[in-house]
Amino acid sequence: FVRFIAMVSNCIEYLSHKYGLSFYEVIKECSKELIKKGFS
């Protein structure tokens, strides 16, 4: 579980640097992706 959290926070940092998004926007995008992966 801790590894999952670390992975998510790394993803958020990476995306926010890459796209210049705010933390909240990245959270929204990541949760959309996780939902897609989780239910597909």
PDB file of N, CA and C in Angstrom:
ATOM      1  N   PHE A   1       0.832  -1.210   0.000  1.00  0.00           N
ATOM      2  CA  PHE A   1       0.000   0.000   0.000  1.00  0.00           C
ATOM      3  C   PHE A   1       0.867   1.260   0.000  1.00  0.00           C
ATOM      4  N   VAL A   2       1.904   1.265   0.829  1.00  0.00           N
ATOM      5  CA  VAL A   2       2.802   2.421   0.884  1.00  0.00           C
ATOM      6  C   VAL A   2       3.469   2.643  -0.469  1.00  0.00           C
ATOM      7  N   ARG A   3       3.838   1.529  -1.128  1.00  0.00           N
ATOM      8  CA  ARG A   3       4.461   1.643  -2.448  1.00  0.00           C
ATOM      9  C   ARG A   3       3.510   2.280  -3.448  1.00  0.00           C
ATOM     10  N   PHE A   4       2.234   1.921  -3.343  1.00  0.00           N
ATOM     11  CA  PHE A   4       1.212   2.497  -4.217  1.00  0.00           C
ATOM     12  C   PHE A   4       1.120   4.009  -4.027  1.00  0.00           C
ATOM     13  N   ILE A   5       1.103   4.444  -2.772  1.00  0.00           N
ATOM     14  CA  ILE A   5       1.041   5.874  -2.463  1.00  0.00           C
ATOM     15  C   ILE A   5       2.268   6.591  -3.026  1.00  0.00           C
ATOM     16  N   ALA A   6       3.443   5.993  -2.863  1.00  0.00           N
ATOM     17  CA  ALA A   6       4.674   6.586  -3.380  1.00  0.00           C
ATOM     18  C   ALA A   6       4.612   6.703  -4.901  1.00  0.00           C
ATOM     19  N   MET A   7       4.099   5.665  -5.544  1.00  0.00           N
ATOM     20  CA  MET A   7       3.954   5.660  -6.987  1.00  0.00           C
ATOM     21  C   MET A   7       3.037   6.787  -7.441  1.00  0.00           C
ATOM     22  N   VAL A   8       1.909   6.925  -6.750  1.00  0.00           N
ATOM     23  CA  VAL A   8       0.946   7.976  -7.093  1.00  0.00           C
ATOM     24  C   VAL A   8       1.565   9.357  -6.907  1.00  0.00           C
ATOM     25  N   SER A   9       2.276   9.569  -5.811  1.00  0.00           N
ATOM     26  CA  SER A   9       2.860  10.893  -5.582  1.00  0.00           C
ATOM     27  C   SER A   9       3.952  11.189  -6.605  1.00  0.00           C
ATOM     28  N   ASN A  10       4.721  10.164  -7.005  1.00  0.00           N
ATOM     29  CA  ASN A  10       5.709  10.356  -8.065  1.00  0.00           C
ATOM     30  C   ASN A  10       5.017  10.719  -9.365  1.00  0.00           C
ATOM     31  N   CYS A  11       3.934  10.039  -9.677  1.00  0.00           N
ATOM     32  CA  CYS A  11       3.141  10.309 -10.874  1.00  0.00           C
ATOM     33  C   CYS A  11       2.663  11.754 -10.850  1.00  0.00           C
ATOM     34  N   ILE A  12       2.161  12.199  -9.725  1.00  0.00           N
ATOM     35  CA  ILE A  12       1.636  13.560  -9.595  1.00  0.00           C
ATOM     36  C   ILE A  12       2.749  14.582  -9.797  1.00  0.00           C
ATOM     37  N   GLU A  13       3.894  14.349  -9.188  1.00  0.00           N
ATOM     38  CA  GLU A  13       5.012  15.274  -9.347  1.00  0.00           C
ATOM     39  C   GLU A  13       5.444  15.341 -10.798  1.00  0.00           C
ATOM     40  N   TYR A  14       5.589  14.169 -11.420  1.00  0.00           N
ATOM     41  CA  TYR A  14       6.017  14.091 -12.815  1.00  0.00           C
ATOM     42  C   TYR A  14       5.052  14.837 -13.724  1.00  0.00           C
ATOM     43  N   LEU A  15       3.767  14.561 -13.568  1.00  0.00           N
ATOM     44  CA  LEU A  15       2.766  15.188 -14.419  1.00  0.00           C
ATOM     45  C   LEU A  15       2.695  16.688 -14.199  1.00  0.00           C
ATOM     46  N   SER A  16       2.808  17.121 -12.954  1.00  0.00           N
ATOM     47  CA  SER A  16       2.706  18.552 -12.701  1.00  0.00           C
ATOM     48  C   SER A  16       3.891  19.297 -13.313  1.00  0.00           C
ATOM     49  N   HIS A  17       5.077  18.665 -13.309  1.00  0.00           N
ATOM     50  CA  HIS A  17       6.217  19.287 -13.981  1.00  0.00           C
ATOM     51  C   HIS A  17       6.023  19.272 -15.494  1.00  0.00           C
ATOM     52  N   LYS A  18       5.573  18.134 -16.017  1.00  0.00           N
ATOM     53  CA  LYS A  18       5.469  17.961 -17.464  1.00  0.00           C
ATOM     54  C   LYS A  18       4.436  18.913 -18.062  1.00  0.00           C
ATOM     55  N   TYR A  19       3.291  19.021 -17.418  1.00  0.00           N
ATOM     56  CA  TYR A  19       2.198  19.805 -17.982  1.00  0.00           C
ATOM     57  C   TYR A  19       1.991  21.147 -17.313  1.00  0.00           C
ATOM     58  N   GLY A  20       2.722  21.411 -16.241  1.00  0.00           N
ATOM     59  CA  GLY A  20       2.562  22.664 -15.527  1.00  0.00           C
ATOM     60  C   GLY A  20       1.183  22.803 -14.897  1.00  0.00           C
ATOM     61  N   LEU A  21       0.599  21.687 -14.499  1.00  0.00           N
ATOM     62  CA  LEU A  21      -0.724  21.714 -13.885  1.00  0.00           C
ATOM     63  C   LEU A  21      -0.605  21.968 -12.393  1.00  0.00           C
ATOM     64  N   SER A  22      -1.701  22.395 -11.816  1.00  0.00           N
ATOM     65  CA  SER A  22      -1.746  22.516 -10.368  1.00  0.00           C
ATOM     66  C   SER A  22      -1.906  21.121  -9.758  1.00  0.00           C
ATOM     67  N   PHE A  23      -1.549  20.999  -8.504  1.00  0.00           N
ATOM     68  CA  PHE A  23      -1.628  19.731  -7.786  1.00  0.00           C
ATOM     69  C   PHE A  23      -3.034  19.134  -7.903  1.00  0.00           C
ATOM     70  N   TYR A  24      -4.039  19.970  -7.698  1.00  0.00           N
ATOM     71  CA  TYR A  24      -5.425  19.506  -7.726  1.00  0.00           C
ATOM     72  C   TYR A  24      -5.816  18.967  -9.092  1.00  0.00           C
ATOM     73  N   GLU A  25      -5.413  19.662 -10.154  1.00  0.00           N
ATOM     74  CA  GLU A  25      -5.735  19.217 -11.508  1.00  0.00           C
ATOM     75  C   GLU A  25      -5.110  17.854 -11.782  1.00  0.00           C
ATOM     76  N   VAL A  26      -3.867  17.676 -11.338  1.00  0.00           N
ATOM     77  CA  VAL A  26      -3.175  16.407 -11.549  1.00  0.00           C
ATOM     78  C   VAL A  26      -3.884  15.289 -10.787  1.00  0.00           C
ATOM     79  N   ILE A  27      -4.300  15.559  -9.564  1.00  0.00           N
ATOM     80  CA  ILE A  27      -5.053  14.582  -8.784  1.00  0.00           C
ATOM     81  C   ILE A  27      -6.288  14.142  -9.558  1.00  0.00           C
ATOM     82  N   LYS A  28      -7.013  15.103 -10.109  1.00  0.00           N
ATOM     83  CA  LYS A  28      -8.214  14.791 -10.873  1.00  0.00           C
ATOM     84  C   LYS A  28      -7.893  13.891 -12.054  1.00  0.00           C
ATOM     85  N   GLU A  29      -6.845  14.244 -12.814  1.00  0.00           N
ATOM     86  CA  GLU A  29      -6.460  13.449 -13.980  1.00  0.00           C
ATOM     87  C   GLU A  29      -6.024  12.047 -13.566  1.00  0.00           C
ATOM     88  N   CYS A  30      -5.223  11.952 -12.520  1.00  0.00           N
ATOM     89  CA  CYS A  30      -4.739  10.658 -12.053  1.00  0.00           C
ATOM     90  C   CYS A  30      -5.893   9.774 -11.611  1.00  0.00           C
ATOM     91  N   SER A  31      -6.852  10.345 -10.905  1.00  0.00           N
ATOM     92  CA  SER A  31      -7.971   9.526 -10.444  1.00  0.00           C
ATOM     93  C   SER A  31      -8.805   9.047 -11.623  1.00  0.00           C
ATOM     94  N   LYS A  32      -8.948   9.872 -12.665  1.00  0.00           N
ATOM     95  CA  LYS A  32      -9.622   9.434 -13.882  1.00  0.00           C
ATOM     96  C   LYS A  32      -8.909   8.232 -14.501  1.00  0.00           C
ATOM     97  N   GLU A  33      -7.581   8.333 -14.581  1.00  0.00           N
ATOM     98  CA  GLU A  33      -6.786   7.239 -15.146  1.00  0.00           C
ATOM     99  C   GLU A  33      -6.924   5.967 -14.302  1.00  0.00           C
ATOM    100  N   LEU A  34      -6.831   6.139 -12.978  1.00  0.00           N
ATOM    101  CA  LEU A  34      -6.936   4.968 -12.098  1.00  0.00           C
ATOM    102  C   LEU A  34      -8.292   4.303 -12.235  1.00  0.00           C
ATOM    103  N   ILE A  35      -9.339   5.096 -12.363  1.00  0.00           N
ATOM    104  CA  ILE A  35     -10.685   4.544 -12.530  1.00  0.00           C
ATOM    105  C   ILE A  35     -10.764   3.776 -13.837  1.00  0.00           C
ATOM    106  N   LYS A  36     -10.222   4.364 -14.907  1.00  0.00           N
ATOM    107  CA  LYS A  36     -10.223   3.681 -16.203  1.00  0.00           C
ATOM    108  C   LYS A  36      -9.488   2.352 -16.112  1.00  0.00           C
ATOM    109  N   LYS A  37      -8.299   2.358 -15.514  1.00  0.00           N
ATOM    110  CA  LYS A  37      -7.510   1.131 -15.408  1.00  0.00           C
ATOM    111  C   LYS A  37      -8.174   0.135 -14.479  1.00  0.00           C
ATOM    112  N   GLY A  38      -8.764   0.643 -13.407  1.00  0.00           N
ATOM    113  CA  GLY A  38      -9.374  -0.235 -12.415  1.00  0.00           C
ATOM    114  C   GLY A  38     -10.595  -0.982 -12.917  1.00  0.00           C
ATOM    115  N   PHE A  39     -11.334  -0.375 -13.845  1.00  0.00           N
ATOM    116  CA  PHE A  39     -12.594  -0.973 -14.271  1.00  0.00           C
ATOM    117  C   PHE A  39     -12.575  -1.502 -15.693  1.00  0.00           C
ATOM    118  N   SER A  40     -11.402  -1.404 -16.354  1.00  0.00           N
ATOM    119  CA  SER A  40     -11.335  -1.919 -17.721  1.00  0.00           C
ATOM    120  C   SER A  40     -10.823  -3.348 -17.752  1.00  0.00           C
TER     121      SER A  40
END
